[in-house]
C-alpha atoms as a PDB file:
ATOM      1  CA  UNK A   1       0.000   0.000   0.000  1.00  0.00           C
ATOM      2  CA  UNK A   2       2.727   2.494   0.937  1.00  0.00           C
ATOM      3  CA  UNK A   3       4.705   1.759  -2.214  1.00  0.00           C
ATOM      4  CA  UNK A   4       1.627   2.415  -4.369  1.00  0.00           C
ATOM      5  CA  UNK A   5       1.024   5.796  -2.730  1.00  0.00           C
ATOM      6  CA  UNK A   6       4.665   6.803  -3.029  1.00  0.00           C
ATOM      7  CA  UNK A   7       4.850   5.702  -6.665  1.00  0.00           C
ATOM      8  CA  UNK A   8       1.802   7.838  -7.521  1.00  0.00           C
ATOM      9  CA  UNK A   9       3.476  10.899  -5.990  1.00  0.00           C
ATOM     10  CA  UNK A  10       6.803  10.192  -7.692  1.00  0.00           C
ATOM     11  CA  UNK A  11       5.083   9.705 -11.060  1.00  0.00           C
ATOM     12  CA  UNK A  12       4.014  13.343 -10.788  1.00  0.00           C
ATOM     13  CA  UNK A  13       7.596  14.487 -10.224  1.00  0.00           C
ATOM     14  CA  UNK A  14       7.360  14.913  -6.447  1.00  0.00           C
ATOM     15  CA  UNK A  15       9.403  13.426  -3.663  1.00  0.00           C
ATOM     16  CA  UNK A  16       7.403  11.808  -0.883  1.00  0.00           C
ATOM     17  CA  UNK A  17       7.485   9.701   2.242  1.00  0.00           C
ATOM     18  CA  UNK A  18       4.675   7.857   3.977  1.00  0.00           C
ATOM     19  CA  UNK A  19       3.875   6.289   7.310  1.00  0.00           C
ATOM     20  CA  UNK A  20       1.374   3.479   7.816  1.00  0.00           C
ATOM     21  CA  UNK A  21       0.317   3.083  11.437  1.00  0.00           C
ATOM     22  CA  UNK A  22      -1.803   0.443  13.155  1.00  0.00           C
ATOM     23  CA  UNK A  23      -2.527   0.789  16.870  1.00  0.00           C
ATOM     24  CA  UNK A  24      -4.459  -1.598  19.109  1.00  0.00           C
ATOM     25  CA  UNK A  25      -5.247  -0.692  22.733  1.00  0.00           C
ATOM     26  CA  UNK A  26      -6.687  -3.018  25.378  1.00  0.00           C
ATOM     27  CA  UNK A  27      -7.980  -1.227  28.491  1.00  0.00           C
ATOM     28  CA  UNK A  28      -8.942  -3.103  31.641  1.00  0.00           C
ATOM     29  CA  UNK A  29     -10.510  -1.653  34.776  1.00  0.00           C
ATOM     30  CA  UNK A  30     -10.611  -3.351  38.151  1.00  0.00           C
ATOM     31  CA  UNK A  31     -12.576  -2.736  41.335  1.00  0.00           C
ATOM     32  CA  UNK A  32     -11.779  -4.538  44.582  1.00  0.00           C
ATOM     33  CA  UNK A  33      -9.434  -6.873  42.724  1.00  0.00           C
ATOM     34  CA  UNK A  34     -12.090  -7.940  40.213  1.00  0.00           C
ATOM     35  CA  UNK A  35     -12.408  -7.102  36.568  1.00  0.00           C
ATOM     36  CA  UNK A  36     -14.984  -4.328  36.213  1.00  0.00           C
ATOM     37  CA  UNK A  37     -14.719  -3.654  32.488  1.00  0.00           C
ATOM     38  CA  UNK A  38     -12.688  -4.023  29.347  1.00  0.00           C
ATOM     39  CA  UNK A  39     -12.451  -2.235  26.038  1.00  0.00           C
ATOM     40  CA  UNK A  40     -10.534  -2.949  22.862  1.00  0.00           C
ATOM     41  CA  UNK A  41      -9.927  -0.220  20.288  1.00  0.00           C
ATOM     42  CA  UNK A  42      -8.027  -0.256  17.017  1.00  0.00           C
ATOM     43  CA  UNK A  43      -7.044   2.536  14.662  1.00  0.00           C
ATOM     44  CA  UNK A  44      -5.091   2.446  11.439  1.00  0.00           C
ATOM     45  CA  UNK A  45      -4.080   5.249   9.144  1.00  0.00           C
ATOM     46  CA  UNK A  46      -1.783   6.476   6.425  1.00  0.00           C
ATOM     47  CA  UNK A  47       0.154   9.771   6.567  1.00  0.00           C
ATOM     48  CA  UNK A  48       1.826  11.222   3.481  1.00  0.00           C
ATOM     49  CA  UNK A  49       4.342  14.070   3.101  1.00  0.00           C
ATOM     50  CA  UNK A  50       5.034  15.388  -0.407  1.00  0.00           C
ATOM     51  CA  UNK A  51       7.536  17.964  -1.679  1.00  0.00           C
ATOM     52  CA  UNK A  52       6.827  19.318  -5.170  1.00  0.00           C
ATOM     53  CA  UNK A  53       8.094  22.506  -6.819  1.00  0.00           C
ATOM     54  CA  UNK A  54       9.725  23.541  -3.546  1.00  0.00           C
ATOM     55  CA  UNK A  55       6.466  23.327  -1.588  1.00  0.00           C
ATOM     56  CA  UNK A  56       5.559  20.903   1.204  1.00  0.00           C
ATOM     57  CA  UNK A  57       2.186  19.204   1.535  1.00  0.00           C
ATOM     58  CA  UNK A  58       0.901  16.752   4.126  1.00  0.00           C
ATOM     59  CA  UNK A  59      -2.180  14.566   4.211  1.00  0.00           C
ATOM     60  CA  UNK A  60      -3.558  11.731   6.284  1.00  0.00           C
ATOM     61  CA  UNK A  61      -6.458   9.323   6.341  1.00  0.00           C
ATOM     62  CA  UNK A  62      -7.900   6.552   8.467  1.00  0.00           C
ATOM     63  CA  UNK A  63     -10.042   5.305   5.552  1.00  0.00           C
ATOM     64  CA  UNK A  64      -7.758   2.599   4.216  1.00  0.00           C
ATOM     65  CA  UNK A  65     -10.586   0.923   2.306  1.00  0.00           C
ATOM     66  CA  UNK A  66     -10.178   3.508  -0.482  1.00  0.00           C
ATOM     67  CA  UNK A  67      -6.456   2.823  -0.963  1.00  0.00           C
ATOM     68  CA  UNK A  68      -6.907   1.440  -4.488  1.00  0.00           C
ATOM     69  CA  UNK A  69      -8.651   4.557  -5.835  1.00  0.00           C
END
């Protein structure tokens, strides 16, 4: 996925770098030594930095389902 994004930027004569992140967090809460609750959350995203014609641009998304567009 990252290589595709970078190649699209480079094909337009820009230099670019990208970061793909995927974070999973498990939270547990206890009361009197017993498990009171739990929650699991996950977030993934892509950040892109592009330099073209001496100008810097940045973009990011958490909608990775549209990566092929």
